């Protein structure tokens, strides 16, 4: 019997019909909407306001083969290597072969990719790439420029209705187990958005942890809703921690990312004695895969009992830094860190999620009518560890593929949308703020960068108790639904991590057998 977070009656809710519903307005959701047949009506829902998503924070760029000196085979091999042998090779081949055409389409749509003085695309490298293949916009504001451009194009499409400040609560299915719509919360009001096709593109799970580079909205809502509907999840234990974020978070508890592109341009990680941390750790040194770098930093911090290490890019001239990394330069300067002369205090924090809703190469899940793309999905592209700047490319390729699959299979006709289980909820006295804080603290300490059997068993018991309490409680506020979602997603991460006895990629157990 499937579960629901919603505890009311559908009979009391307004019903609005659409051909397609897309949850999420990052690059994956927007690009999917743009690739839908213009004859199909589309509801595009976003929990916060426009441009409030993880995509806008993607600094480094988007990886794709655009140079004659590079090949899709090389990009393919680099992706498999970073993924530690856990990638779906078919999905990776689709990504690297089809990605360049989506990049070309982005530029046709008006995305302002950076160019050199001769008008050629400005290409750089990042960790674990053997070739320069990272395109960027505005120096270090790639995700923002892509998101803004796609959003402006979506607004030109009369078939698309945008719902801001709208949260997906549950995915509805009919008596045959097929998608029939979603329950959404618009402000204080619940509605049923009825459709035979739902695309989950609601982003990652960063706020399951205390420290993250993710937007405040990244609480795994789409993943949790799909899980409750019976969707299969995969690779939940593979959580990527970015090695370099500013040590102190902002007022929204988001850690500002210091892009890997700095190390691609020659930045060096150092300890307080000025010693290069990555020397002798990995052949690629500071450009080693992120999991290797993150663990090296944690080991250095524990060894010397210090709260951070430093990133040194002072060898580069000020004019270069201001042009190549304007956002980072400005943010650091606002905090009294002049990166042209000062080392940047950095610490590893949760950054990306390789797991999620399991899909095939057409973004289809095991539930008919349910699709997933972007960070919510597990296409198998990333394996155990994401290759730098492959995430935006995955959003494009699989967002488009989701749309194309829907275009091909679309058939009109309404489906029943009754709830198929007892969704009776009870009034339970819960301190949601404390409950959420406890879950996030537990995930960070016992399900983070370095894991052990004992700590994960303790965490599963604690988070499991919280989930059992939350899923029977009568929920009403967005924050309350978010707390249930982070509990369910966190529990699946812990279960996956405990089941995988050997360390691989971003999953590292100090007691690995």
Protein backbone atom coordinates (compact mmCIF):
# COMPACT_ATOMS: atom_id res chain seq x y z
CA UNK A 1 0.00 0.00 0.00
CA UNK A 2 1.52 3.32 -1.08
CA UNK A 3 1.92 6.36 1.16
CA UNK A 4 0.89 9.99 0.99
CA UNK A 5 2.07 13.04 2.89
CA UNK A 6 -1.26 14.79 2.26
CA UNK A 7 -3.87 14.08 4.88
CA UNK A 8 -7.02 15.68 3.53
CA UNK A 9 -9.72 14.74 1.03
CA UNK A 10 -9.34 15.21 -2.72
CA UNK A 11 -13.06 15.90 -2.96
CA UNK A 12 -12.51 19.29 -1.34
CA UNK A 13 -9.76 20.40 -3.73
CA UNK A 14 -9.96 22.34 -6.98
CA UNK A 15 -8.85 20.31 -9.99
CA UNK A 16 -6.92 21.89 -12.89
CA UNK A 17 -6.15 19.84 -15.99
CA UNK A 18 -2.85 19.88 -17.90
CA UNK A 19 -1.22 17.60 -20.43
CA UNK A 20 2.14 17.68 -18.62
CA UNK A 21 3.26 18.76 -15.16
CA UNK A 22 6.91 19.60 -14.49
CA UNK A 23 8.05 20.00 -10.89
CA UNK A 24 11.14 22.20 -10.80
CA UNK A 25 12.35 25.29 -12.65
CA UNK A 26 16.07 24.71 -12.83
CA UNK A 27 17.87 23.94 -16.08
CA UNK A 28 16.39 20.42 -16.37
CA UNK A 29 12.79 21.48 -15.85
CA UNK A 30 12.99 24.58 -18.05
CA UNK A 31 14.73 22.76 -20.88
CA UNK A 32 12.20 19.93 -20.71
CA UNK A 33 9.38 22.49 -20.97
CA UNK A 34 11.01 24.12 -24.00
CA UNK A 35 11.26 20.78 -25.78
CA UNK A 36 7.63 19.76 -25.27
CA UNK A 37 5.30 19.84 -28.24
CA UNK A 38 3.76 23.31 -28.30
CA UNK A 39 0.31 21.70 -28.57
CA UNK A 40 0.65 20.26 -25.05
CA UNK A 41 -0.42 22.35 -22.06
CA UNK A 42 2.25 22.39 -19.36
CA UNK A 43 2.20 23.37 -15.69
CA UNK A 44 5.67 24.35 -14.48
CA UNK A 45 5.82 24.50 -10.68
CA UNK A 46 8.51 25.93 -8.44
CA UNK A 47 8.59 25.89 -4.65
CA UNK A 48 10.05 29.37 -4.32
CA UNK A 49 10.29 32.29 -6.74
CA UNK A 50 11.77 32.32 -10.21
CA UNK A 51 15.48 31.48 -10.37
CA UNK A 52 15.39 30.07 -6.81
CA UNK A 53 17.03 26.75 -7.60
CA UNK A 54 20.37 24.97 -7.48
CA UNK A 55 21.02 25.60 -11.17
CA UNK A 56 21.67 29.30 -10.63
CA UNK A 57 24.56 28.44 -8.29
CA UNK A 58 26.42 26.30 -10.84
CA UNK A 59 29.65 28.25 -11.22
CA UNK A 60 32.22 26.15 -13.03
CA UNK A 61 30.45 25.51 -16.31
CA UNK A 62 29.10 22.77 -18.53
CA UNK A 63 31.25 19.98 -19.95
CA UNK A 64 30.90 19.10 -23.64
CA UNK A 65 33.10 18.23 -26.59
CA UNK A 66 33.28 21.33 -28.78
CA UNK A 67 36.92 21.27 -29.89
CA UNK A 68 38.50 19.23 -32.68
CA UNK A 69 41.29 18.22 -30.29
CA UNK A 70 38.73 16.52 -28.02
CA UNK A 71 36.55 13.45 -28.61
CA UNK A 72 33.38 12.02 -27.16
CA UNK A 73 35.37 8.86 -26.37
CA UNK A 74 37.70 10.89 -24.12
CA UNK A 75 34.76 12.53 -22.33
CA UNK A 76 33.18 9.08 -22.01
CA UNK A 77 36.34 7.60 -20.45
CA UNK A 78 36.79 10.52 -18.03
CA UNK A 79 33.18 10.14 -16.87
CA UNK A 80 33.58 6.40 -16.29
CA UNK A 81 36.84 6.92 -14.40
CA UNK A 82 35.32 9.52 -12.09
CA UNK A 83 32.29 7.26 -11.60
CA UNK A 84 34.55 4.53 -10.20
CA UNK A 85 33.18 1.81 -12.46
CA UNK A 86 29.59 2.37 -11.35
CA UNK A 87 28.29 4.32 -14.35
CA UNK A 88 25.61 3.13 -16.76
CA UNK A 89 27.71 3.11 -19.92
CA UNK A 90 24.72 3.44 -22.24
CA UNK A 91 23.55 6.55 -20.36
CA UNK A 92 27.05 8.05 -20.44
CA UNK A 93 27.36 7.45 -24.19
CA UNK A 94 24.04 9.20 -24.75
CA UNK A 95 25.24 12.12 -22.62
CA UNK A 96 28.58 12.74 -24.30
CA UNK A 97 27.38 12.08 -27.86
CA UNK A 98 24.22 14.18 -27.71
CA UNK A 99 25.48 16.90 -25.37
CA UNK A 100 27.26 19.03 -28.00
CA UNK A 101 24.04 19.48 -30.02
CA UNK A 102 22.24 20.69 -26.88
CA UNK A 103 25.07 23.15 -26.25
CA UNK A 104 24.62 24.42 -29.82
CA UNK A 105 20.89 24.80 -29.15
CA UNK A 106 21.62 26.75 -25.95
CA UNK A 107 23.63 29.25 -27.92
CA UNK A 108 20.84 29.51 -30.50
CA UNK A 109 18.49 30.32 -27.61
CA UNK A 110 20.81 33.14 -26.59
CA UNK A 111 22.92 31.72 -23.76
CA UNK A 112 26.02 33.98 -23.66
CA UNK A 113 28.93 31.53 -23.52
CA UNK A 114 32.25 33.28 -22.81
CA UNK A 115 34.58 33.79 -25.75
CA UNK A 116 38.20 34.84 -26.17
CA UNK A 117 39.47 37.95 -27.95
CA UNK A 118 39.20 36.13 -31.30
CA UNK A 119 35.56 35.22 -30.77
CA UNK A 120 36.26 31.55 -30.11
CA UNK A 121 34.58 29.71 -27.23
CA UNK A 122 36.56 30.11 -24.03
CA UNK A 123 37.26 26.59 -22.77
CA UNK A 124 38.85 25.54 -19.50
CA UNK A 125 39.53 22.33 -17.59
CA UNK A 126 38.41 20.97 -14.23
CA UNK A 127 39.25 18.07 -11.98
CA UNK A 128 39.51 14.59 -13.60
CA UNK A 129 39.09 15.93 -17.17
CA UNK A 130 42.00 15.06 -19.46
CA UNK A 131 41.04 17.78 -21.95
CA UNK A 132 39.85 21.36 -21.84
CA UNK A 133 36.11 21.03 -22.44
CA UNK A 134 34.36 23.23 -19.86
CA UNK A 135 32.30 26.06 -21.35
CA UNK A 136 31.30 28.89 -19.03
CA UNK A 137 29.23 32.08 -18.95
CA UNK A 138 29.99 35.30 -17.13
CA UNK A 139 33.24 33.79 -15.91
CA UNK A 140 31.80 31.84 -12.98
CA UNK A 141 28.06 32.40 -13.36
CA UNK A 142 27.24 29.70 -15.91
CA UNK A 143 24.16 28.26 -14.21
CA UNK A 144 22.67 31.70 -13.63
CA UNK A 145 23.01 32.73 -17.28
CA UNK A 146 21.61 29.45 -18.61
CA UNK A 147 18.68 29.54 -16.18
CA UNK A 148 17.84 33.16 -16.96
CA UNK A 149 17.93 32.54 -20.71
CA UNK A 150 15.81 29.38 -20.57
CA UNK A 151 13.28 31.04 -18.27
CA UNK A 152 12.90 33.99 -20.63
CA UNK A 153 12.27 31.58 -23.53
CA UNK A 154 9.75 29.52 -21.52
CA UNK A 155 7.78 32.69 -20.81
CA UNK A 156 7.38 33.14 -24.55
CA UNK A 157 5.51 29.82 -24.80
CA UNK A 158 1.75 30.27 -24.45
CA UNK A 159 1.27 26.58 -23.64
CA UNK A 160 3.17 26.86 -20.34
CA UNK A 161 1.74 28.12 -17.04
CA UNK A 162 4.23 28.94 -14.28
CA UNK A 163 3.28 28.33 -10.65
CA UNK A 164 5.70 30.04 -8.28
CA UNK A 165 5.63 29.50 -4.51
CA UNK A 166 4.10 26.09 -5.18
CA UNK A 167 5.25 22.86 -3.55
CA UNK A 168 4.68 19.36 -4.87
CA UNK A 169 3.19 17.34 -2.00
CA UNK A 170 2.30 13.99 -3.58
CA UNK A 171 2.14 12.25 -6.94
CA UNK A 172 -1.27 10.78 -7.69
CA UNK A 173 -1.77 7.40 -9.34
CA UNK A 174 -4.91 5.62 -10.50
CA UNK A 175 -6.10 2.10 -9.79
CA UNK A 176 -3.73 0.77 -12.47
CA UNK A 177 -0.74 2.43 -10.81
CA UNK A 178 -0.35 5.01 -13.60
CA UNK A 179 0.28 8.69 -12.99
CA UNK A 180 -2.84 10.83 -12.82
CA UNK A 181 -1.48 14.11 -11.47
CA UNK A 182 -0.08 15.75 -8.35
CA UNK A 183 -1.27 17.37 -5.16
CA UNK A 184 0.35 20.79 -4.91
CA UNK A 185 0.31 23.48 -2.25
CA UNK A 186 0.02 27.03 -3.61
CA UNK A 187 0.55 29.32 -0.67
CA UNK A 188 -2.00 28.10 1.88
CA UNK A 189 -4.20 26.37 -0.69
CA UNK A 190 -4.05 22.75 -1.90
CA UNK A 191 -4.99 21.89 -5.49
CA UNK A 192 -4.97 18.83 -7.71
CA UNK A 193 -3.09 19.35 -10.95
CA UNK A 194 -4.38 16.49 -13.08
CA UNK A 195 -2.22 15.01 -15.83
CA UNK A 196 -1.12 11.69 -17.26
CA UNK A 197 2.49 12.89 -17.40
CA UNK A 198 4.60 14.22 -14.53
CA UNK A 199 8.27 15.17 -14.77
CA UNK A 200 10.24 15.44 -11.53
CA UNK A 201 13.02 18.00 -11.97
CA UNK A 202 12.95 19.42 -8.46
CA UNK A 203 16.66 19.24 -7.72
CA UNK A 204 18.77 17.68 -5.02
CA UNK A 205 18.86 16.84 -1.35
CA UNK A 206 21.44 19.25 0.07
CA UNK A 207 19.38 20.42 3.03
CA UNK A 208 19.25 16.88 4.36
CA UNK A 209 22.69 17.88 5.69
CA UNK A 210 23.62 20.76 7.97
CA UNK A 211 26.25 22.18 5.62
CA UNK A 212 25.54 22.47 1.90
CA UNK A 213 26.06 24.65 -1.15
CA UNK A 214 22.46 23.97 -2.16
CA UNK A 215 19.55 26.39 -2.30
CA UNK A 216 17.26 26.38 0.72
CA UNK A 217 14.60 24.65 -1.41
CA UNK A 218 16.73 21.52 -1.95
CA UNK A 219 14.96 19.21 0.49
CA UNK A 220 14.41 16.24 -1.81
CA UNK A 221 10.69 16.95 -2.28
CA UNK A 222 10.34 15.36 -5.71
CA UNK A 223 12.40 12.32 -4.76
CA UNK A 224 10.36 11.76 -1.59
CA UNK A 225 7.05 12.20 -3.42
CA UNK A 226 8.14 9.70 -6.09
CA UNK A 227 9.27 7.27 -3.37
CA UNK A 228 5.87 7.46 -1.67
CA UNK A 229 4.24 6.80 -5.05
CA UNK A 230 6.27 3.62 -5.49
CA UNK A 231 9.09 4.85 -7.73
CA UNK A 232 12.33 2.92 -7.55
CA UNK A 233 15.30 4.81 -6.10
CA UNK A 234 18.92 4.04 -6.92
CA UNK A 235 22.47 4.86 -5.75
CA UNK A 236 21.16 6.77 -2.74
CA UNK A 237 24.44 6.30 -0.85
CA UNK A 238 26.40 8.36 -3.39
CA UNK A 239 26.40 11.89 -2.00
CA UNK A 240 29.09 14.23 -3.28
CA UNK A 241 30.79 16.65 -0.93
CA UNK A 242 32.50 19.55 -2.65
CA UNK A 243 36.02 20.03 -1.28
CA UNK A 244 36.00 23.82 -1.35
CA UNK A 245 33.25 26.01 0.06
CA UNK A 246 33.71 29.15 2.13
CA UNK A 247 33.95 28.14 5.77
CA UNK A 248 31.07 30.34 6.98
CA UNK A 249 27.51 30.05 5.55
CA UNK A 250 25.26 32.99 4.64
CA UNK A 251 22.08 34.03 6.45
CA UNK A 252 20.18 31.20 4.72
CA UNK A 253 22.78 28.68 5.95
CA UNK A 254 24.04 28.15 2.41
CA UNK A 255 27.77 27.77 1.98
CA UNK A 256 29.17 29.75 -0.94
CA UNK A 257 30.91 27.47 -3.41
CA UNK A 258 34.49 28.11 -4.43
CA UNK A 259 34.45 26.52 -7.85
CA UNK A 260 36.73 23.68 -8.86
CA UNK A 261 37.55 25.87 -11.84
CA UNK A 262 39.97 27.80 -9.59
CA UNK A 263 42.03 24.64 -9.24
CA UNK A 264 41.65 24.18 -12.98
CA UNK A 265 43.33 27.56 -13.34
CA UNK A 266 46.16 26.63 -11.00
CA UNK A 267 44.89 27.19 -7.43
CA UNK A 268 46.62 25.06 -4.78
CA UNK A 269 45.17 23.65 -1.56
CA UNK A 270 47.43 24.42 1.39
CA UNK A 271 47.53 23.84 5.13
CA UNK A 272 48.46 26.51 7.65
CA UNK A 273 52.14 25.75 7.15
CA UNK A 274 51.81 26.54 3.43
CA UNK A 275 52.34 22.89 2.53
CA UNK A 276 50.39 21.66 -0.54
CA UNK A 277 47.83 19.20 0.79
CA UNK A 278 47.40 17.12 -2.36
CA UNK A 279 51.10 16.51 -2.93
CA UNK A 280 51.63 12.75 -2.88
CA UNK A 281 47.92 12.01 -2.34
CA UNK A 282 46.92 11.53 -5.98
CA UNK A 283 48.71 11.74 -9.35
CA UNK A 284 46.41 14.59 -10.44
CA UNK A 285 47.11 16.46 -7.19
CA UNK A 286 44.66 19.39 -6.83
CA UNK A 287 42.71 18.20 -9.87
CA UNK A 288 41.99 14.77 -8.39
CA UNK A 289 38.35 13.59 -8.21
CA UNK A 290 36.29 15.47 -5.65
CA UNK A 291 35.85 12.59 -3.22
CA UNK A 292 39.62 12.14 -3.01
CA UNK A 293 40.19 15.85 -2.42
CA UNK A 294 37.38 16.12 0.15
CA UNK A 295 38.72 13.21 2.22
CA UNK A 296 42.26 14.58 2.05
CA UNK A 297 41.02 17.89 3.43
CA UNK A 298 39.04 16.19 6.22
CA UNK A 299 42.11 14.13 7.13
CA UNK A 300 44.23 17.30 7.24
CA UNK A 301 41.68 19.08 9.43
CA UNK A 302 41.46 16.15 11.86
CA UNK A 303 45.21 15.68 11.97
CA UNK A 304 45.84 19.24 13.08
CA UNK A 305 42.47 19.87 14.79
CA UNK A 306 41.66 22.88 12.60
CA UNK A 307 38.30 24.01 11.15
CA UNK A 308 39.47 24.58 7.58
CA UNK A 309 42.27 24.55 5.01
CA UNK A 310 43.13 27.17 2.39
CA UNK A 311 42.92 27.60 -1.36
CA UNK A 312 45.74 29.68 -2.82
CA UNK A 313 45.27 31.36 -6.20
CA UNK A 314 47.46 34.39 -5.46
CA UNK A 315 49.82 33.44 -8.30
CA UNK A 316 47.23 34.81 -10.73
CA UNK A 317 47.02 38.56 -11.39
CA UNK A 318 44.10 40.56 -10.03
CA UNK A 319 42.74 41.49 -13.46
CA UNK A 320 42.57 37.82 -14.45
CA UNK A 321 40.74 36.87 -11.26
CA UNK A 322 38.20 39.69 -11.57
CA UNK A 323 37.41 38.71 -15.18
CA UNK A 324 37.51 34.91 -14.86
CA UNK A 325 35.87 34.61 -11.43
CA UNK A 326 33.81 37.78 -10.92
CA UNK A 327 31.22 36.23 -8.59
CA UNK A 328 33.79 34.53 -6.39
CA UNK A 329 36.01 37.62 -6.37
CA UNK A 330 33.09 39.84 -5.33
CA UNK A 331 31.72 37.46 -2.68
CA UNK A 332 35.11 36.90 -1.09
CA UNK A 333 35.91 40.62 -1.12
CA UNK A 334 32.59 41.32 0.61
CA UNK A 335 33.80 39.05 3.41
CA UNK A 336 37.19 40.72 3.67
CA UNK A 337 39.06 38.11 1.62
CA UNK A 338 41.06 39.58 -1.24
CA UNK A 339 41.77 36.45 -3.28
CA UNK A 340 44.53 38.22 -5.21
CA UNK A 341 46.62 38.40 -2.04
CA UNK A 342 44.81 36.23 0.56
CA UNK A 343 44.30 32.49 0.76
CA UNK A 344 40.65 31.47 0.80
CA UNK A 345 39.49 29.54 3.93
CA UNK A 346 37.59 26.49 2.65
CA UNK A 347 35.91 23.38 4.00
CA UNK A 348 34.15 20.38 2.36
CA UNK A 349 30.32 20.52 2.40
CA UNK A 350 27.51 18.57 0.74
CA UNK A 351 27.19 19.66 -2.87
CA UNK A 352 25.65 17.15 -5.27
CA UNK A 353 23.63 13.96 -5.31
CA UNK A 354 24.40 11.12 -7.72
CA UNK A 355 21.47 8.99 -6.55
CA UNK A 356 17.77 9.60 -6.96
CA UNK A 357 14.76 8.35 -8.89
CA UNK A 358 15.89 5.52 -11.15
CA UNK A 359 15.28 6.17 -14.85
CA UNK A 360 16.12 4.69 -18.21
CA UNK A 361 17.87 6.63 -20.99
CA UNK A 362 14.54 8.28 -21.89
CA UNK A 363 14.07 9.61 -18.33
CA UNK A 364 11.25 7.12 -17.68
CA UNK A 365 10.74 5.64 -14.21
CA UNK A 366 9.07 2.34 -13.27
CA UNK A 367 5.74 4.18 -12.93
CA UNK A 368 3.93 4.78 -16.20
CA UNK A 369 3.69 8.49 -16.88
CA UNK A 370 6.36 9.48 -14.33
CA UNK A 371 9.65 10.90 -15.60
CA UNK A 372 12.65 12.39 -13.82
CA UNK A 373 15.62 14.45 -14.94
CA UNK A 374 18.38 16.58 -13.47
CA UNK A 375 19.62 16.04 -9.93
CA UNK A 376 16.38 14.34 -8.85
CA UNK A 377 17.05 11.52 -11.29
CA UNK A 378 19.53 8.68 -11.22
CA UNK A 379 20.23 8.04 -14.90
CA UNK A 380 23.43 6.19 -14.00
CA UNK A 381 25.54 8.82 -15.73
CA UNK A 382 27.51 9.77 -12.64
CA UNK A 383 28.07 6.38 -11.08
CA UNK A 384 29.70 6.67 -7.67
CA UNK A 385 31.15 10.13 -8.22
CA UNK A 386 30.15 12.93 -10.61
CA UNK A 387 32.69 14.22 -13.07
CA UNK A 388 32.95 18.00 -12.74
CA UNK A 389 30.51 20.02 -14.87
CA UNK A 390 28.64 16.98 -16.16
CA UNK A 391 25.57 17.97 -14.12
CA UNK A 392 24.32 20.82 -16.31
CA UNK A 393 24.93 18.68 -19.38
CA UNK A 394 22.84 15.90 -17.85
CA UNK A 395 20.04 18.41 -17.16
CA UNK A 396 20.01 19.39 -20.81
CA UNK A 397 20.30 15.97 -22.43
CA UNK A 398 17.87 14.14 -20.19
CA UNK A 399 15.47 17.07 -19.79
CA UNK A 400 15.16 17.08 -23.58
CA UNK A 401 14.86 13.29 -23.72
CA UNK A 402 12.03 13.35 -21.17
CA UNK A 403 10.17 15.86 -23.31
CA UNK A 404 10.78 13.89 -26.49
CA UNK A 405 9.53 10.68 -24.86
CA UNK A 406 6.34 12.43 -23.74
CA UNK A 407 5.83 14.00 -27.16
CA UNK A 408 6.10 10.58 -28.75
CA UNK A 409 3.83 8.71 -26.35
CA UNK A 410 1.26 11.39 -25.56
CA UNK A 411 -2.33 10.32 -25.87
CA UNK A 412 -5.30 12.35 -24.71
CA UNK A 413 -7.76 10.97 -22.21
CA UNK A 414 -8.47 11.55 -18.55
CA UNK A 415 -7.55 9.13 -15.82
CA UNK A 416 -9.10 8.70 -12.42
CA UNK A 417 -7.28 10.46 -9.64
CA UNK A 418 -8.60 8.95 -6.42
CA UNK A 419 -6.26 8.30 -3.53
CA UNK A 420 -5.84 4.57 -3.30
CA UNK A 421 -4.95 4.19 0.38
CA UNK A 422 -6.03 5.23 3.84
CA UNK A 423 -4.33 8.57 4.22
CA UNK A 424 -5.82 9.39 7.60
CA UNK A 425 -3.45 11.58 9.61
CA UNK A 426 -3.36 12.32 13.29
CA UNK A 427 -2.67 15.48 15.21
CA UNK A 428 0.76 14.92 16.74
CA UNK A 429 2.62 17.44 18.87
CA UNK A 430 5.96 17.73 17.05
CA UNK A 431 8.65 20.37 17.41
CA UNK A 432 9.43 20.38 13.69
CA UNK A 433 12.37 22.76 13.97
CA UNK A 434 14.12 20.55 16.51
CA UNK A 435 13.20 17.38 14.63
CA UNK A 436 14.64 18.74 11.39
CA UNK A 437 17.80 20.01 13.06
CA UNK A 438 18.36 16.61 14.69
CA UNK A 439 17.97 14.78 11.39
CA UNK A 440 20.39 17.11 9.60
CA UNK A 441 22.95 16.90 12.40
CA UNK A 442 22.71 13.10 12.42
CA UNK A 443 23.12 12.87 8.64
CA UNK A 444 26.17 15.13 8.74
CA UNK A 445 27.91 13.30 11.59
CA UNK A 446 26.98 9.71 10.75
CA UNK A 447 26.09 9.69 7.05
CA UNK A 448 28.55 12.20 5.66
CA UNK A 449 32.03 12.10 4.11
CA UNK A 450 33.38 9.26 6.26
CA UNK A 451 31.00 6.50 7.43
CA UNK A 452 31.07 3.48 9.77
CA UNK A 453 28.72 0.59 10.44
CA UNK A 454 28.15 1.59 14.05
CA UNK A 455 27.34 5.21 13.31
CA UNK A 456 25.06 4.39 10.38
CA UNK A 457 23.13 1.86 12.46
CA UNK A 458 22.62 4.53 15.13
CA UNK A 459 21.55 7.06 12.51
CA UNK A 460 19.06 4.67 10.88
CA UNK A 461 17.37 4.09 14.23
CA UNK A 462 17.15 7.80 15.03
CA UNK A 463 16.05 9.02 11.58
CA UNK A 464 13.73 6.01 11.24
CA UNK A 465 11.96 6.94 14.48
CA UNK A 466 11.53 10.49 13.20
CA UNK A 467 10.14 9.27 9.87
CA UNK A 468 7.63 6.95 11.56
CA UNK A 469 6.36 9.86 13.63
CA UNK A 470 6.25 12.33 10.73
CA UNK A 471 4.52 10.16 8.16
CA UNK A 472 1.47 9.62 10.37
CA UNK A 473 1.28 13.26 11.49
CA UNK A 474 -1.15 15.81 10.07
CA UNK A 475 1.10 18.23 8.16
CA UNK A 476 0.16 21.70 6.97
CA UNK A 477 3.14 24.04 6.56
CA UNK A 478 5.80 23.77 3.84
CA UNK A 479 8.48 23.34 6.51
CA UNK A 480 6.59 20.39 7.96
CA UNK A 481 6.38 18.60 4.61
CA UNK A 482 10.07 19.35 4.08
CA UNK A 483 10.91 17.72 7.40
CA UNK A 484 9.12 14.52 6.35
CA UNK A 485 10.91 14.61 2.99
CA UNK A 486 14.40 15.00 4.45
CA UNK A 487 13.67 12.19 6.91
CA UNK A 488 12.59 9.81 4.14
CA UNK A 489 15.43 10.76 1.79
CA UNK A 490 17.97 10.67 4.61
CA UNK A 491 16.82 7.24 5.70
CA UNK A 492 17.23 5.87 2.16
CA UNK A 493 20.72 7.36 1.95
CA UNK A 494 21.68 5.67 5.21
CA UNK A 495 20.18 2.33 4.22
CA UNK A 496 22.02 2.39 0.90
CA UNK A 497 25.28 3.37 2.57
CA UNK A 498 24.99 0.66 5.21
CA UNK A 499 24.22 -1.99 2.61
CA UNK A 500 27.29 -1.10 0.54
CA UNK A 501 30.10 -2.61 2.59
CA UNK A 502 32.99 -1.50 0.40
CA UNK A 503 34.13 2.05 -0.22
CA UNK A 504 33.66 3.31 -3.76
CA UNK A 505 33.60 6.83 -5.18
CA UNK A 506 31.84 9.32 -2.92
CA UNK A 507 30.80 6.50 -0.55
CA UNK A 508 33.65 6.01 1.89
CA UNK A 509 33.63 3.72 4.89
CA UNK A 510 36.58 3.80 7.25
CA UNK A 511 35.60 0.24 8.26
CA UNK A 512 35.39 -0.91 4.61
CA UNK A 513 35.91 -4.64 4.19
